Amino acid sequence: MDSSEQTLNRAQLLVRAGSLGAAVTLGIPALARAGGSALGYDAATDTLTWMLPASIRSLDFVHSYDAGTTVVLGLGLEGLLVYDKAGALQPRLARSWSHPDPLTYVYRLRQGVKWWDGKPFTAADVVFSMAQHLDPKVGSQVATFYANVRSIRATAADTVTIKLKKPDPAFQYIPAAHAGFIVQRAFSKKHGKSIGTPSVLTMGTGPYRIVKYTPDQGVSLKRNDAYWGPKPPTANVELKFITEESTRLLAMRTGDVDGTFGVPVEQSNQWSKIRDARVVFAPELSVDFFSFDMDTAPWSDIHVRRAVSHAADKAGMVSALLRGHGEVATSLVPPQQWGGVLPQPAVRRLYRELPKYSYSLARARAELSQSSVPNGFSASVQYPNSVPLLGKMCLALARTLKQIGINLDVNEVTGDKWFNDIYAHKNLGLQVMQFVPDFPDPINYPTYLLASEHAVKNDFNMANYRSATMDALIKRQEKATRPAVRAQALGQMLRLAARDVPYLPIAWPETAMAISKDFSYGGFNALYFNQPWAAQIRAT
């Protein structure tokens, strides 16, 4: 994004969120304040046992970009920056940073940091960790985040300087995200392709040490008592992979676990009845949507795309499938994700002006009659078995499409097959997915879903949408130094996307988290998976 369910967050993400809204602080100051941890920890407890709703493929963040991996590694690996409880960027492995010109980011590294094995953290580790995403031979799944990077160099013993090829407002957030995790150079060089396996694990500097990884079962972590920052309150963290929903519910009900992300909203009433637990809902800043492969007939026909859009009963899906815990999506960008770029009232005005495809079978039939397949056609869509909600959305769409002559075959597949097929970028046809935020800025989703340069293998423009006008608007907002200029360009981008219909936004969901009444989680927010989240959970 749930925390480990396999949907796309510019790869695989379905992470459950909390609210950021207008409280999010965007932009890097000329020189960030030096300081300690942005996340306050409290008195120690012994063990926290937490469920994740899907297994992970590896502890190698370079070749396993999914929410579950991020949730796990975020407890042990660190980036140069971190999001605080309000979603603002704060120092982490960098004690300060600056943005002296549109193409340059300079990070002054924290001194006295040790790796889990006691070796000192150095600028060479940072350069190695980030530069590997630039090497096509590595095949990094997060290489797209570094596509605009020209160089990464250690310009002093405690300084790393990153030069961009062109201005890019989104890059400021990368050092606080999955793609910004730092690993030890020597350890990585020694173990090579074995990094992330149960026998080798990984090497970090974070508040928890990963001590055991059992595929399909879980991960064990112990507090890093040599951590440079405040000591986490919990000495041990046990992460259990439990995929079957009734088993997860039973585990929570019996007290075998202390909490979980990704409580299915359609089952939230059952979870709310657990006597010794609380269920918390919050905006997720995510979007559920379908993509149309514009390189493949009949999806290349705009009348077909419009017909399907009119046949989608979005309000019905939000009501029936999300139990009302969400909002009908009229854009790829959730309104709360605009942060400091545009005030919420102005965002809502903009969204009211966007071209809309209201649910109307009559309009759907009229559009289809103008298409290259006026009598209808057959198609298929597949969804990952770890995200049944997406499957239900597919089935709901299939039911209404059948009424206009389109037969949609819905297929459940493994998360790996679903993900690999999307990444292969061939004959994508109709796809269903959810994106969750990597950073709290409205360009987060559009730049990867709408830019022509990302309509390639191993990248995220799954609609194969190419528009010179869209590309020009993306470039305009990249070069802008004033939020008002960016907002204007971003608004035009969303209008163009709504007109051309490469994607069909369905819902902006809420998320639900369950936690034992014996614990409290301070600062739960939409970007928790890029934070040391377990270090913020303490006994009540």
Protein backbone atom coordinates (compact mmCIF):
# COMPACT_ATOMS: atom_id res chain seq x y z
CA MET A 1 0.00 0.00 0.00
CA ASP A 2 -2.56 -3.49 3.77
CA SER A 3 0.74 -3.17 5.40
CA SER A 4 1.81 -6.22 3.55
CA GLU A 5 -0.93 -6.86 1.06
CA GLN A 6 0.30 -6.75 -2.48
CA THR A 7 -0.96 -3.81 -4.43
CA LEU A 8 0.93 -1.01 -6.05
CA ASN A 9 2.46 1.87 -4.20
CA ARG A 10 4.31 2.44 -7.29
CA ALA A 11 4.90 -1.24 -7.17
CA GLN A 12 3.03 -3.35 -4.66
CA LEU A 13 1.31 -1.45 -1.91
CA LEU A 14 -1.78 -1.60 0.14
CA VAL A 15 -0.75 0.03 3.35
CA ARG A 16 -3.26 1.27 5.81
CA ALA A 17 -3.13 4.89 6.67
CA GLY A 18 -3.82 7.60 9.10
CA SER A 19 -4.67 11.21 8.56
CA LEU A 20 -2.21 13.80 7.37
CA GLY A 21 -4.38 16.28 5.53
CA ALA A 22 -3.38 19.89 5.66
CA ALA A 23 -1.13 19.27 8.65
CA VAL A 24 1.48 17.80 6.32
CA THR A 25 4.45 20.09 5.86
CA LEU A 26 5.84 20.04 2.34
CA GLY A 27 9.11 21.31 1.01
CA ILE A 28 12.65 21.23 2.32
CA PRO A 29 13.79 24.33 4.18
CA ALA A 30 16.97 26.04 3.09
CA LEU A 31 18.74 24.37 5.96
CA ALA A 32 16.90 21.84 8.10
CA ARG A 33 17.27 22.01 11.85
CA ALA A 34 19.75 19.64 13.38
CA GLY A 35 18.28 17.60 16.18
CA GLY A 36 17.50 14.26 17.72
CA SER A 37 14.76 11.84 16.84
CA ALA A 38 11.57 13.24 15.36
CA LEU A 39 9.66 10.40 17.00
CA GLY A 40 9.33 10.29 20.77
CA TYR A 41 9.58 6.90 22.52
CA ASP A 42 8.41 5.93 25.98
CA ALA A 43 8.91 3.46 28.79
CA ALA A 44 10.02 -0.06 27.90
CA THR A 45 7.83 -3.13 27.60
CA ASP A 46 8.83 -6.66 26.73
CA THR A 47 7.25 -7.97 23.52
CA LEU A 48 4.89 -6.66 20.87
CA THR A 49 3.30 -9.29 18.62
CA TRP A 50 1.88 -7.89 15.42
CA MET A 51 0.14 -9.47 12.43
CA LEU A 52 0.86 -8.69 8.80
CA PRO A 53 -1.79 -9.86 6.31
CA ALA A 54 0.63 -11.27 3.75
CA SER A 55 4.09 -12.73 3.61
CA ILE A 56 7.08 -10.91 2.15
CA ARG A 57 9.34 -12.07 -0.63
CA SER A 58 12.66 -10.99 0.81
CA LEU A 59 14.44 -8.62 3.18
CA ASP A 60 16.22 -7.13 0.17
CA PHE A 61 14.57 -3.76 -0.32
CA VAL A 62 16.22 -3.34 -3.74
CA HIS A 63 14.49 -6.34 -5.29
CA SER A 64 11.42 -6.62 -3.08
CA TYR A 65 9.48 -3.39 -3.27
CA ASP A 66 6.18 -4.07 -1.54
CA ALA A 67 4.39 -2.78 1.49
CA GLY A 68 5.14 -5.77 3.68
CA THR A 69 8.87 -5.48 3.06
CA THR A 70 8.71 -1.77 3.83
CA VAL A 71 6.78 -2.34 7.06
CA VAL A 72 9.36 -4.87 8.23
CA LEU A 73 12.53 -3.15 7.05
CA GLY A 74 11.34 0.24 8.28
CA LEU A 75 11.97 -1.00 11.83
CA GLY A 76 15.59 -1.87 11.13
CA LEU A 77 16.81 0.18 8.19
CA GLU A 78 16.91 3.95 8.13
CA GLY A 79 17.01 6.69 5.54
CA LEU A 80 18.67 10.06 5.66
CA LEU A 81 15.32 11.61 6.61
CA VAL A 82 12.11 10.46 8.29
CA TYR A 83 8.50 11.62 8.51
CA ASP A 84 7.46 12.81 11.94
CA LYS A 85 4.02 12.26 13.46
CA ALA A 86 2.59 15.16 11.47
CA GLY A 87 4.10 13.92 8.22
CA ALA A 88 6.83 16.54 8.02
CA LEU A 89 10.37 15.68 6.92
CA GLN A 90 12.87 15.54 9.77
CA PRO A 91 16.57 14.55 10.11
CA ARG A 92 17.44 10.90 10.63
CA LEU A 93 20.79 9.54 9.43
CA ALA A 94 21.34 13.03 8.08
CA ARG A 95 21.61 15.51 10.94
CA SER A 96 20.73 18.34 8.55
CA TRP A 97 20.19 18.92 4.87
CA SER A 98 19.95 21.77 2.38
CA HIS A 99 18.66 22.43 -1.12
CA PRO A 100 20.99 25.20 -2.36
CA ASP A 101 19.71 25.16 -5.94
CA PRO A 102 16.98 23.32 -7.90
CA LEU A 103 19.39 20.54 -8.93
CA THR A 104 21.30 19.98 -5.70
CA TYR A 105 20.58 18.31 -2.36
CA VAL A 106 23.26 18.26 0.34
CA TYR A 107 23.04 15.96 3.37
CA ARG A 108 25.25 16.35 6.45
CA LEU A 109 25.47 12.94 8.12
CA ARG A 110 24.91 12.18 11.76
CA GLN A 111 28.08 11.30 13.67
CA GLY A 112 28.55 8.35 16.03
CA VAL A 113 26.03 6.07 14.31
CA LYS A 114 26.90 2.36 14.37
CA TRP A 115 25.69 -0.54 12.31
CA TRP A 116 24.23 -3.52 14.17
CA ASP A 117 27.65 -5.21 13.96
CA GLY A 118 29.33 -2.21 15.61
CA LYS A 119 31.02 -0.80 12.51
CA PRO A 120 30.76 2.96 11.95
CA PHE A 121 28.20 4.39 9.55
CA THR A 122 29.92 6.36 6.75
CA ALA A 123 29.21 8.44 3.69
CA ALA A 124 30.41 5.52 1.58
CA ASP A 125 27.48 3.46 2.87
CA VAL A 126 25.05 6.15 1.76
CA VAL A 127 26.61 6.49 -1.68
CA PHE A 128 26.61 2.71 -2.18
CA SER A 129 23.02 2.27 -1.01
CA MET A 130 21.56 4.99 -3.19
CA ALA A 131 23.82 4.62 -6.21
CA GLN A 132 22.91 0.96 -6.69
CA HIS A 133 19.51 2.13 -7.94
CA LEU A 134 21.29 3.91 -10.79
CA ASP A 135 22.96 0.72 -12.07
CA PRO A 136 20.76 -1.10 -14.61
CA LYS A 137 22.70 -4.31 -13.92
CA VAL A 138 21.34 -4.29 -10.36
CA GLY A 139 17.77 -4.26 -11.61
CA SER A 140 16.43 -2.27 -8.69
CA GLN A 141 12.65 -2.22 -8.39
CA VAL A 142 12.84 1.33 -7.06
CA ALA A 143 15.13 2.61 -9.80
CA THR A 144 12.32 4.80 -11.10
CA PHE A 145 12.69 7.02 -8.04
CA TYR A 146 16.27 7.75 -9.10
CA ALA A 147 15.62 8.20 -12.82
CA ASN A 148 16.28 11.92 -12.50
CA VAL A 149 19.51 11.58 -10.48
CA ARG A 150 22.74 12.55 -12.23
CA SER A 151 25.21 11.75 -9.46
CA ILE A 152 25.53 10.73 -5.82
CA ARG A 153 28.89 11.57 -4.26
CA ALA A 154 30.57 11.86 -0.88
CA THR A 155 31.78 15.46 -0.99
CA ALA A 156 33.23 15.31 2.53
CA ALA A 157 33.69 12.66 5.21
CA ASP A 158 30.27 13.59 6.64
CA THR A 159 28.55 14.94 3.53
CA VAL A 160 26.70 13.40 0.60
CA THR A 161 25.70 15.55 -2.36
CA ILE A 162 23.07 14.48 -4.88
CA LYS A 163 22.80 16.20 -8.26
CA LEU A 164 19.68 15.93 -10.38
CA LYS A 165 19.37 16.07 -14.15
CA LYS A 166 16.40 18.43 -13.91
CA PRO A 167 14.31 20.00 -11.14
CA ASP A 168 12.11 17.45 -9.40
CA PRO A 169 9.92 18.45 -6.41
CA ALA A 170 9.24 14.80 -5.61
CA PHE A 171 12.86 13.88 -4.98
CA GLN A 172 12.94 15.70 -1.64
CA TYR A 173 10.86 12.84 -0.19
CA ILE A 174 12.94 9.90 -1.45
CA PRO A 175 15.45 9.88 1.46
CA ALA A 176 12.51 9.28 3.85
CA ALA A 177 10.99 6.46 1.80
CA HIS A 178 11.63 2.77 1.01
CA ALA A 179 13.88 3.83 -1.87
CA GLY A 180 16.01 5.78 0.57
CA PHE A 181 16.90 2.92 2.94
CA ILE A 182 20.63 2.77 3.73
CA VAL A 183 22.47 -0.53 4.12
CA GLN A 184 26.07 -1.28 5.01
CA ARG A 185 28.33 -1.30 1.97
CA ALA A 186 30.77 -3.93 3.28
CA PHE A 187 28.00 -6.33 4.31
CA SER A 188 26.23 -5.94 0.98
CA LYS A 189 29.44 -6.42 -1.03
CA LYS A 190 30.25 -9.56 0.94
CA HIS A 191 26.86 -11.24 0.56
CA GLY A 192 25.77 -10.02 -2.86
CA LYS A 193 22.61 -11.71 -4.12
CA SER A 194 22.15 -13.51 -0.79
CA ILE A 195 21.12 -10.25 0.88
CA GLY A 196 17.63 -10.54 2.29
CA THR A 197 17.56 -14.33 2.56
CA PRO A 198 16.80 -16.11 5.86
CA SER A 199 20.44 -17.13 6.28
CA VAL A 200 21.95 -13.69 5.61
CA LEU A 201 19.20 -11.20 6.53
CA THR A 202 20.41 -7.59 6.22
CA MET A 203 22.46 -4.97 8.06
CA GLY A 204 20.97 -1.73 9.37
CA THR A 205 21.38 1.07 11.88
CA GLY A 206 17.77 1.27 13.09
CA PRO A 207 16.15 0.91 16.51
CA TYR A 208 15.49 -2.80 15.96
CA ARG A 209 17.79 -5.58 14.75
CA ILE A 210 16.26 -8.20 12.48
CA VAL A 211 17.36 -11.50 14.01
CA LYS A 212 15.19 -14.05 12.23
CA TYR A 213 13.21 -14.29 9.01
CA THR A 214 11.11 -17.33 8.19
CA PRO A 215 9.36 -17.08 4.82
CA ASP A 216 5.58 -17.43 5.04
CA GLN A 217 5.76 -17.32 8.85
CA GLY A 218 7.25 -14.13 10.19
CA VAL A 219 10.15 -11.95 11.31
CA SER A 220 11.68 -11.53 14.77
CA LEU A 221 13.33 -8.29 15.86
CA LYS A 222 15.19 -7.24 18.98
CA ARG A 223 15.79 -3.76 20.28
CA ASN A 224 19.09 -2.28 19.19
CA ASP A 225 20.44 -1.16 22.56
CA ALA A 226 23.32 0.62 20.80
CA TYR A 227 20.91 2.73 18.75
CA TRP A 228 22.00 6.33 18.29
CA GLY A 229 18.53 7.68 19.10
CA PRO A 230 15.98 7.23 21.90
CA LYS A 231 15.49 3.65 23.03
CA PRO A 232 12.24 2.09 21.75
CA PRO A 233 9.76 1.09 24.46
CA THR A 234 9.42 -2.54 23.32
CA ALA A 235 12.34 -4.93 23.69
CA ASN A 236 11.13 -7.52 21.16
CA VAL A 237 8.86 -7.38 18.14
CA GLU A 238 7.35 -10.52 16.64
CA LEU A 239 5.78 -10.06 13.21
CA LYS A 240 3.50 -12.88 12.11
CA PHE A 241 2.35 -13.41 8.55
CA ILE A 242 -1.30 -14.45 8.78
CA THR A 243 -3.12 -14.25 5.48
CA GLU A 244 -6.46 -15.90 6.24
CA GLU A 245 -8.91 -13.33 7.52
CA SER A 246 -10.82 -15.56 9.95
CA THR A 247 -7.50 -16.71 11.44
CA ARG A 248 -6.41 -13.11 11.90
CA LEU A 249 -9.69 -12.23 13.57
CA LEU A 250 -9.42 -15.23 15.89
CA ALA A 251 -5.80 -14.37 16.77
CA MET A 252 -6.86 -10.86 17.76
CA ARG A 253 -9.91 -12.07 19.64
CA THR A 254 -7.92 -14.60 21.69
CA GLY A 255 -5.15 -12.12 22.46
CA ASP A 256 -2.48 -14.09 20.62
CA VAL A 257 -1.46 -10.87 18.90
CA ASP A 258 -1.44 -7.25 20.01
CA GLY A 259 -2.51 -5.65 16.76
CA THR A 260 -2.60 -5.57 13.02
CA PHE A 261 -2.72 -3.17 10.12
CA GLY A 262 -5.20 -3.66 7.33
CA VAL A 263 -8.37 -4.69 9.07
CA PRO A 264 -10.72 -5.30 6.12
CA VAL A 265 -13.31 -2.56 6.21
CA GLU A 266 -16.00 -5.01 5.14
CA GLN A 267 -15.28 -6.98 8.33
CA SER A 268 -14.70 -4.01 10.61
CA ASN A 269 -17.95 -4.60 12.50
CA GLN A 270 -16.69 -8.01 13.60
CA TRP A 271 -13.35 -6.57 14.67
CA SER A 272 -15.06 -3.77 16.58
CA LYS A 273 -16.81 -6.36 18.74
CA ILE A 274 -13.51 -7.66 20.14
CA ARG A 275 -13.73 -6.74 23.79
CA ASP A 276 -10.07 -6.01 24.47
CA ALA A 277 -9.20 -4.21 21.24
CA ARG A 278 -9.90 -0.96 19.44
CA VAL A 279 -10.47 -0.41 15.72
CA VAL A 280 -9.36 2.95 14.40
CA PHE A 281 -10.38 4.39 11.02
CA ALA A 282 -8.46 7.09 9.20
CA PRO A 283 -8.01 8.44 5.65
CA GLU A 284 -5.53 6.34 3.75
CA LEU A 285 -4.42 8.84 1.09
CA SER A 286 -4.71 5.92 -1.32
CA VAL A 287 -6.72 5.38 -4.47
CA ASP A 288 -8.37 2.21 -5.80
CA PHE A 289 -8.49 2.26 -9.58
CA PHE A 290 -8.55 0.35 -12.84
CA SER A 291 -6.08 0.96 -15.66
CA PHE A 292 -6.80 0.62 -19.37
CA ASP A 293 -3.92 -0.47 -21.62
CA MET A 294 -4.06 2.15 -24.34
CA ASP A 295 -1.66 0.12 -26.48
CA THR A 296 -4.16 -2.73 -26.72
CA ALA A 297 -7.57 -2.91 -28.41
CA PRO A 298 -10.31 -2.34 -27.47
CA TRP A 299 -8.94 -0.27 -24.56
CA SER A 300 -7.22 2.03 -27.04
CA ASP A 301 -10.71 3.25 -27.99
CA ILE A 302 -11.74 6.20 -25.81
CA HIS A 303 -15.41 5.34 -26.23
CA VAL A 304 -14.75 1.95 -24.66
CA ARG A 305 -12.94 3.58 -21.75
CA ARG A 306 -15.76 6.06 -21.28
CA ALA A 307 -18.36 3.29 -21.48
CA VAL A 308 -16.65 1.30 -18.75
CA SER A 309 -16.27 4.45 -16.65
CA HIS A 310 -20.01 5.17 -16.87
CA ALA A 311 -20.76 1.53 -16.02
CA ALA A 312 -18.78 1.64 -12.78
CA ASP A 313 -21.06 2.08 -9.78
CA LYS A 314 -18.48 3.80 -7.60
CA ALA A 315 -20.90 4.92 -4.91
CA GLY A 316 -22.26 1.40 -4.68
CA MET A 317 -18.77 -0.01 -4.24
CA VAL A 318 -17.90 2.49 -1.51
CA SER A 319 -21.14 1.71 0.30
CA ALA A 320 -21.19 -2.07 -0.10
CA LEU A 321 -17.52 -3.00 -0.23
CA LEU A 322 -15.99 -0.30 1.96
CA ARG A 323 -18.99 -0.10 4.28
CA GLY A 324 -18.96 3.63 3.69
CA HIS A 325 -15.39 3.96 4.95
CA GLY A 326 -14.15 5.85 1.94
CA GLU A 327 -15.06 8.43 -0.66
CA VAL A 328 -15.97 8.14 -4.35
CA ALA A 329 -12.81 9.01 -6.29
CA THR A 330 -12.99 11.58 -9.06
CA SER A 331 -9.22 11.71 -9.55
CA LEU A 332 -6.11 9.63 -9.04
CA VAL A 333 -5.03 12.04 -6.28
CA PRO A 334 -6.85 11.95 -2.93
CA PRO A 335 -7.80 15.50 -1.95
CA GLN A 336 -5.95 15.33 1.38
CA GLN A 337 -2.68 14.68 -0.43
CA TRP A 338 -2.35 18.26 -1.63
CA GLY A 339 -0.78 19.31 1.67
CA GLY A 340 0.88 22.70 1.40
CA VAL A 341 0.47 22.94 -2.38
CA LEU A 342 -3.18 24.02 -2.29
CA PRO A 343 -5.65 24.64 0.57
CA GLN A 344 -8.38 22.04 0.99
CA PRO A 345 -11.28 24.36 -0.01
CA ALA A 346 -9.47 25.15 -3.27
CA VAL A 347 -8.78 21.45 -3.83
CA ARG A 348 -12.44 20.62 -3.43
CA ARG A 349 -13.41 23.39 -5.87
CA LEU A 350 -10.93 22.01 -8.39
CA TYR A 351 -12.32 18.50 -8.04
CA ARG A 352 -15.89 19.71 -8.58
CA GLU A 353 -14.77 21.12 -11.94
CA LEU A 354 -13.11 17.91 -13.19
CA PRO A 355 -14.82 15.97 -16.01
CA LYS A 356 -16.90 13.22 -14.40
CA TYR A 357 -18.33 9.91 -15.54
CA SER A 358 -21.38 9.38 -13.38
CA TYR A 359 -22.88 5.93 -13.07
CA SER A 360 -25.31 5.59 -15.98
CA LEU A 361 -25.86 2.43 -17.98
CA ALA A 362 -27.68 4.47 -20.61
CA ARG A 363 -24.62 6.68 -21.13
CA ALA A 364 -22.38 3.62 -21.03
CA ARG A 365 -24.40 1.97 -23.83
CA ALA A 366 -24.35 5.20 -25.82
CA GLU A 367 -20.56 5.42 -25.59
CA LEU A 368 -20.13 1.76 -26.49
CA SER A 369 -22.36 2.22 -29.55
CA GLN A 370 -19.86 4.79 -30.86
CA SER A 371 -16.90 2.49 -30.31
CA SER A 372 -15.12 -0.06 -32.48
CA VAL A 373 -16.98 -2.81 -30.59
CA PRO A 374 -20.58 -1.55 -30.51
CA ASN A 375 -21.96 -5.02 -29.81
CA GLY A 376 -19.71 -5.59 -26.84
CA PHE A 377 -16.70 -7.82 -26.25
CA SER A 378 -15.05 -10.14 -23.74
CA ALA A 379 -12.08 -9.26 -21.55
CA SER A 380 -10.39 -10.40 -18.38
CA VAL A 381 -8.90 -8.88 -15.25
CA GLN A 382 -6.84 -10.49 -12.51
CA TYR A 383 -6.34 -9.51 -8.91
CA PRO A 384 -3.92 -10.73 -6.20
CA ASN A 385 -5.32 -13.30 -3.78
CA SER A 386 -3.86 -11.30 -0.89
CA VAL A 387 -6.24 -8.41 -1.60
CA PRO A 388 -9.77 -9.83 -1.81
CA LEU A 389 -11.29 -6.35 -1.73
CA LEU A 390 -9.86 -5.64 -5.18
CA GLY A 391 -11.38 -8.89 -6.37
CA LYS A 392 -14.78 -7.76 -5.12
CA MET A 393 -14.38 -4.49 -7.00
CA CYS A 394 -13.63 -6.47 -10.15
CA LEU A 395 -16.73 -8.61 -9.65
CA ALA A 396 -18.87 -5.52 -9.02
CA LEU A 397 -17.62 -3.97 -12.24
CA ALA A 398 -18.17 -7.23 -14.12
CA ARG A 399 -21.82 -7.31 -13.03
CA THR A 400 -22.60 -3.87 -14.41
CA LEU A 401 -20.51 -4.33 -17.55
CA LYS A 402 -22.50 -7.43 -18.41
CA GLN A 403 -25.59 -5.24 -18.67
CA ILE A 404 -24.03 -3.28 -21.53
CA GLY A 405 -22.65 -6.31 -23.38
CA ILE A 406 -19.13 -6.55 -21.96
CA ASN A 407 -18.24 -9.92 -20.44
CA LEU A 408 -15.44 -9.49 -17.90
CA ASP A 409 -13.76 -12.65 -16.63
CA VAL A 410 -12.36 -12.08 -13.13
CA ASN A 411 -9.39 -14.23 -12.12
CA GLU A 412 -7.70 -14.60 -8.74
CA VAL A 413 -3.93 -15.13 -8.96
CA THR A 414 -1.03 -15.13 -6.54
CA GLY A 415 0.45 -11.80 -5.59
CA ASP A 416 3.72 -12.69 -7.31
CA LYS A 417 2.02 -13.55 -10.61
CA TRP A 418 -0.10 -10.44 -10.50
CA PHE A 419 2.88 -8.25 -9.76
CA ASN A 420 5.21 -9.91 -12.27
CA ASP A 421 2.64 -9.73 -15.05
CA ILE A 422 2.15 -6.02 -14.46
CA TYR A 423 5.89 -5.43 -14.33
CA ALA A 424 6.38 -7.32 -17.62
CA HIS A 425 4.33 -4.53 -19.21
CA LYS A 426 2.92 -6.62 -22.04
CA ASN A 427 -0.75 -6.96 -22.99
CA LEU A 428 -1.82 -5.37 -19.77
CA GLY A 429 -5.43 -5.00 -20.87
CA LEU A 430 -7.52 -4.12 -17.83
CA GLN A 431 -5.79 -4.06 -14.44
CA VAL A 432 -6.96 -3.30 -10.93
CA MET A 433 -4.74 -1.89 -8.23
CA GLN A 434 -4.34 0.49 -5.35
CA PHE A 435 -1.65 3.09 -4.85
CA VAL A 436 -0.77 4.40 -1.42
CA PRO A 437 1.43 7.41 -0.76
CA ASP A 438 5.19 7.44 -0.86
CA PHE A 439 5.13 11.10 0.08
CA PRO A 440 2.41 13.65 0.86
CA ASP A 441 2.40 15.61 -2.39
CA PRO A 442 -0.15 15.59 -5.25
CA ILE A 443 2.50 14.73 -7.84
CA ASN A 444 3.13 11.39 -6.10
CA TYR A 445 0.82 9.32 -8.30
CA PRO A 446 0.46 11.34 -11.55
CA THR A 447 4.14 11.59 -12.35
CA TYR A 448 4.48 7.80 -12.47
CA LEU A 449 1.05 6.92 -13.84
CA LEU A 450 0.77 9.62 -16.50
CA ALA A 451 4.27 10.49 -17.74
CA SER A 452 5.25 8.96 -21.10
CA GLU A 453 8.70 8.09 -19.81
CA HIS A 454 7.17 5.64 -17.33
CA ALA A 455 5.18 3.72 -19.94
CA VAL A 456 7.91 1.07 -20.12
CA LYS A 457 8.75 -2.31 -18.66
CA ASN A 458 9.42 -2.34 -14.91
CA ASP A 459 7.72 1.00 -14.48
CA PHE A 460 4.36 2.27 -13.36
CA ASN A 461 2.46 3.86 -16.24
CA MET A 462 0.34 0.74 -16.59
CA ALA A 463 -2.07 2.43 -18.98
CA ASN A 464 0.76 3.08 -21.43
CA TYR A 465 -0.62 6.59 -21.55
CA ARG A 466 1.41 9.01 -23.65
CA SER A 467 0.53 12.67 -24.07
CA ALA A 468 2.87 15.47 -25.07
CA THR A 469 0.57 17.93 -23.30
CA MET A 470 0.67 15.89 -20.11
CA ASP A 471 4.46 15.61 -20.28
CA ALA A 472 4.74 19.38 -20.71
CA LEU A 473 2.52 19.98 -17.68
CA ILE A 474 4.61 17.59 -15.60
CA LYS A 475 7.74 19.47 -16.60
CA ARG A 476 6.09 22.80 -15.81
CA GLN A 477 5.27 21.80 -12.25
CA GLU A 478 8.75 20.30 -11.83
CA LYS A 479 10.38 23.62 -12.62
CA ALA A 480 7.98 25.69 -10.54
CA THR A 481 9.31 27.22 -7.35
CA ARG A 482 5.95 28.63 -6.18
CA PRO A 483 3.12 26.37 -4.94
CA ALA A 484 0.54 28.38 -6.89
CA VAL A 485 2.28 27.63 -10.17
CA ARG A 486 2.57 23.96 -9.30
CA ALA A 487 -1.09 23.83 -8.29
CA GLN A 488 -2.20 25.31 -11.60
CA ALA A 489 -0.19 22.78 -13.60
CA LEU A 490 -1.32 19.90 -11.42
CA GLY A 491 -4.96 20.91 -11.84
CA GLN A 492 -4.56 20.92 -15.61
CA MET A 493 -2.95 17.49 -15.42
CA LEU A 494 -5.93 16.06 -13.56
CA ARG A 495 -8.37 17.63 -16.01
CA LEU A 496 -6.49 16.13 -18.95
CA ALA A 497 -6.37 12.70 -17.31
CA ALA A 498 -10.11 12.87 -16.65
CA ARG A 499 -10.72 13.77 -20.29
CA ASP A 500 -8.51 11.04 -21.79
CA VAL A 501 -9.54 8.34 -19.27
CA PRO A 502 -6.38 6.19 -19.12
CA TYR A 503 -7.46 5.23 -15.60
CA LEU A 504 -10.76 4.73 -13.83
CA PRO A 505 -10.50 5.97 -10.21
CA ILE A 506 -12.99 4.14 -7.98
CA ALA A 507 -12.46 5.10 -4.35
CA TRP A 508 -10.34 6.97 -1.85
CA PRO A 509 -10.53 4.44 1.00
CA GLU A 510 -10.18 4.80 4.69
CA THR A 511 -8.09 2.28 6.56
CA ALA A 512 -8.68 0.37 9.74
CA MET A 513 -6.10 -0.67 12.32
CA ALA A 514 -6.82 -2.93 15.30
CA ILE A 515 -4.77 -2.67 18.46
CA SER A 516 -5.05 -4.22 21.90
CA LYS A 517 -6.30 -1.94 24.63
CA ASP A 518 -3.07 -2.81 26.46
CA PHE A 519 -1.15 -0.72 23.93
CA SER A 520 -1.37 2.71 22.32
CA TYR A 521 0.09 3.88 19.03
CA GLY A 522 0.99 7.55 19.05
CA GLY A 523 1.16 9.33 15.73
CA PHE A 524 -0.36 6.67 13.46
CA ASN A 525 -0.46 8.25 9.98
CA ALA A 526 -0.60 7.49 6.29
CA LEU A 527 3.17 7.11 5.97
CA TYR A 528 3.73 4.88 9.00
CA PHE A 529 5.33 2.19 6.85
CA ASN A 530 8.22 4.57 6.22
CA GLN A 531 8.62 5.14 9.96
CA PRO A 532 9.89 2.91 12.78
CA TRP A 533 6.23 2.33 13.65
CA ALA A 534 6.71 -0.29 16.36
CA ALA A 535 8.93 2.13 18.26
CA GLN A 536 5.88 4.37 18.65
CA ILE A 537 3.72 1.67 20.27
CA ARG A 538 3.85 1.47 24.03
CA ALA A 539 2.00 -0.28 26.83
CA THR A 540 -0.89 1.67 28.30
